[in-house]
Amino acid sequence: MKIPLNARETFAGDPNIEVISAAPHWIHLQICTSIGLIEKISIFVREQLADLPAAVCEELGLAVDELITNSMEHGCRLDAKCVVDFKMIRTARMLLFQVKDGGVGFSMDSMAHAAVNNPPEEPLKHTQRRDEMGLRPGGFGILLVRKIADELIYSELGNEVMLVKYL
């Protein structure tokens, strides 16, 4: 089995990522908002999950990518001064990912432009709303993450999310 990368060593010298905890069972990072950092975090997270079945590792990596991207793009509105707080906690029976941004949050009910709120008989209804709003194609992220997670829990404010995956 390959030994996972150490967070302190991986992000040493990067002024945009502060390592709060590097314990393999409790990783806590504070990440400056920069779309360019998402791939770096993604590679690191996938490395931490490399001992899991490849499909589970890839799905969870994709889910974390989506949650961090949403936090940076929508929560922080790509403001470089806004920090995304990321935690990955691992026990023998579960993985917990927690992502929190410094944005104002959102309400799931206000997401008419996202597939998560489409009626089952109209799986692409949100695409019309996205066109009307002048948004790029997409809106499937939260729906995708819900399919991957065993539990997906948003805070009341909507600027913090926890993904739980049972092992």
Protein backbone atom coordinates (compact mmCIF):
# COMPACT_ATOMS: atom_id res chain seq x y z
CA MET A 1 0.00 0.00 0.00
CA LYS A 2 1.26 3.44 -0.91
CA ILE A 3 1.74 5.82 2.04
CA PRO A 4 -0.52 8.91 1.69
CA LEU A 5 1.08 12.28 1.23
CA ASN A 6 1.61 14.34 4.37
CA ALA A 7 -0.34 17.61 4.25
CA ARG A 8 2.45 19.70 5.80
CA GLU A 9 5.02 18.41 3.32
CA THR A 10 2.63 18.64 0.35
CA PHE A 11 1.65 22.26 0.96
CA ALA A 12 4.91 23.53 2.49
CA GLY A 13 5.81 26.89 1.02
CA ASP A 14 2.38 27.50 -0.49
CA PRO A 15 1.16 30.77 1.04
CA ASN A 16 -2.38 30.07 -0.22
CA ILE A 17 -2.92 26.87 1.79
CA GLU A 18 -2.56 26.80 5.57
CA VAL A 19 -2.35 23.38 7.18
CA ILE A 20 -4.16 23.45 10.53
CA SER A 21 -4.00 19.68 11.09
CA ALA A 22 -1.97 17.12 9.16
CA ALA A 23 -2.89 13.99 11.12
CA PRO A 24 -3.89 11.27 8.61
CA HIS A 25 -7.23 10.82 10.40
CA TRP A 26 -7.88 14.61 10.71
CA ILE A 27 -6.76 16.87 7.90
CA HIS A 28 -7.75 20.52 8.16
CA LEU A 29 -6.78 23.08 5.53
CA GLN A 30 -7.58 26.74 5.07
CA ILE A 31 -7.46 27.55 1.38
CA CYS A 32 -7.39 30.98 -0.25
CA THR A 33 -9.94 31.24 -3.00
CA SER A 34 -8.22 30.43 -6.27
CA ILE A 35 -9.63 28.10 -8.89
CA GLY A 36 -6.02 27.13 -9.63
CA LEU A 37 -5.71 25.47 -6.20
CA ILE A 38 -8.59 23.06 -6.71
CA GLU A 39 -6.52 20.59 -8.74
CA LYS A 40 -3.76 20.62 -6.11
CA ILE A 41 -6.29 19.85 -3.35
CA SER A 42 -7.97 17.24 -5.55
CA ILE A 43 -4.75 15.33 -6.17
CA PHE A 44 -3.97 15.42 -2.45
CA VAL A 45 -7.44 14.15 -1.44
CA ARG A 46 -7.34 11.33 -3.97
CA GLU A 47 -3.93 10.32 -2.64
CA GLN A 48 -5.40 10.13 0.88
CA LEU A 49 -8.13 7.81 -0.42
CA ALA A 50 -5.89 5.62 -2.60
CA ASP A 51 -6.38 2.57 -0.36
CA LEU A 52 -10.12 2.53 -1.12
CA PRO A 53 -11.59 0.82 -4.19
CA ALA A 54 -10.74 2.90 -7.27
CA ALA A 55 -14.38 3.75 -8.03
CA VAL A 56 -15.03 5.00 -4.48
CA CYS A 57 -11.80 7.02 -4.52
CA GLU A 58 -12.73 8.64 -7.83
CA GLU A 59 -16.33 9.39 -6.79
CA LEU A 60 -15.28 10.99 -3.51
CA GLY A 61 -12.55 12.97 -5.25
CA LEU A 62 -15.15 14.26 -7.71
CA ALA A 63 -17.55 15.15 -4.88
CA VAL A 64 -14.85 17.06 -2.97
CA ASP A 65 -13.86 18.89 -6.19
CA GLU A 66 -17.46 19.96 -6.65
CA LEU A 67 -17.94 21.13 -3.06
CA ILE A 68 -14.71 23.15 -3.01
CA THR A 69 -15.42 24.61 -6.45
CA ASN A 70 -18.91 25.65 -5.33
CA SER A 71 -17.47 27.26 -2.20
CA MET A 72 -14.91 29.24 -4.16
CA GLU A 73 -17.07 30.13 -7.15
CA HIS A 74 -20.46 30.71 -5.56
CA GLY A 75 -19.77 31.17 -1.84
CA CYS A 76 -16.64 33.29 -2.06
CA ARG A 77 -17.51 34.66 -5.52
CA LEU A 78 -13.84 34.10 -6.49
CA ASP A 79 -12.70 36.76 -3.99
CA ALA A 80 -9.04 35.91 -3.27
CA LYS A 81 -9.43 37.28 0.29
CA CYS A 82 -12.19 34.77 1.07
CA VAL A 83 -10.99 31.54 2.70
CA VAL A 84 -12.43 28.05 2.25
CA ASP A 85 -12.12 25.83 5.31
CA PHE A 86 -11.70 22.14 4.39
CA LYS A 87 -11.66 19.17 6.74
CA MET A 88 -11.29 15.49 5.98
CA ILE A 89 -11.90 13.21 8.94
CA ARG A 90 -11.42 9.47 8.61
CA THR A 91 -12.47 6.72 10.98
CA ALA A 92 -12.51 2.96 10.52
CA ARG A 93 -16.15 3.15 9.37
CA MET A 94 -16.60 6.50 7.65
CA LEU A 95 -15.17 9.50 5.90
CA LEU A 96 -16.40 12.99 6.65
CA PHE A 97 -15.61 15.97 4.46
CA GLN A 98 -16.54 19.43 5.69
CA VAL A 99 -16.32 22.52 3.50
CA LYS A 100 -17.10 26.01 4.76
CA ASP A 101 -16.70 29.30 2.95
CA GLY A 102 -16.81 32.92 4.05
CA GLY A 103 -19.74 33.72 1.79
CA VAL A 104 -23.28 34.66 2.73
CA GLY A 105 -24.66 31.18 2.05
CA PHE A 106 -27.68 30.09 0.05
CA SER A 107 -31.00 28.35 0.35
CA MET A 108 -31.52 25.09 -1.50
CA ASP A 109 -35.07 26.26 -2.30
CA SER A 110 -33.68 29.22 -4.25
CA MET A 111 -31.76 26.99 -6.63
CA ALA A 112 -34.17 26.86 -9.59
CA HIS A 113 -31.10 26.95 -11.83
CA ALA A 114 -29.78 23.65 -10.39
CA ALA A 115 -30.74 20.10 -11.33
CA VAL A 116 -31.19 19.22 -7.66
CA ASN A 117 -34.58 21.01 -7.74
CA ASN A 118 -35.87 19.61 -11.03
CA PRO A 119 -39.10 17.63 -10.88
CA PRO A 120 -38.42 13.94 -11.67
CA GLU A 121 -40.44 14.16 -14.89
CA GLU A 122 -38.35 17.14 -16.10
CA PRO A 123 -34.69 16.31 -15.41
CA LEU A 124 -33.41 19.20 -17.55
CA LYS A 125 -35.84 21.91 -16.48
CA HIS A 126 -33.08 23.91 -14.79
CA THR A 127 -31.27 24.41 -18.11
CA GLN A 128 -34.00 26.79 -19.29
CA ARG A 129 -33.66 28.81 -16.09
CA ARG A 130 -29.86 28.92 -16.49
CA ASP A 131 -30.31 30.27 -20.03
CA GLU A 132 -32.68 32.97 -18.76
CA MET A 133 -30.17 33.95 -16.06
CA GLY A 134 -27.26 34.04 -18.52
CA LEU A 135 -25.44 31.24 -16.69
CA ARG A 136 -23.09 28.76 -18.34
CA PRO A 137 -24.39 25.21 -18.91
CA GLY A 138 -24.24 23.04 -15.80
CA GLY A 139 -26.09 22.94 -12.53
CA PHE A 140 -25.67 19.21 -11.89
CA GLY A 141 -23.05 19.44 -9.12
CA ILE A 142 -25.14 19.15 -5.96
CA LEU A 143 -27.26 16.41 -7.53
CA LEU A 144 -24.10 14.48 -8.39
CA VAL A 145 -22.66 14.92 -4.89
CA ARG A 146 -25.95 13.71 -3.35
CA LYS A 147 -25.67 10.51 -5.42
CA ILE A 148 -22.11 9.90 -4.18
CA ALA A 149 -22.62 10.78 -0.50
CA ASP A 150 -24.38 8.62 2.05
CA GLU A 151 -25.32 11.84 3.82
CA LEU A 152 -25.03 15.44 2.62
CA ILE A 153 -25.88 18.05 5.23
CA TYR A 154 -25.95 21.82 4.74
CA SER A 155 -25.88 24.35 7.55
CA GLU A 156 -28.85 26.63 8.07
CA LEU A 157 -26.97 29.53 6.48
CA GLY A 158 -25.90 27.36 3.55
CA ASN A 159 -22.22 28.27 3.54
CA GLU A 160 -21.12 25.00 5.14
CA VAL A 161 -21.64 21.42 4.04
CA MET A 162 -20.73 18.00 5.43
CA LEU A 163 -20.45 14.93 3.23
CA VAL A 164 -20.47 11.55 4.98
CA LYS A 165 -19.45 8.33 3.24
CA TYR A 166 -19.68 5.07 5.16
CA LEU A 167 -16.93 2.54 4.51
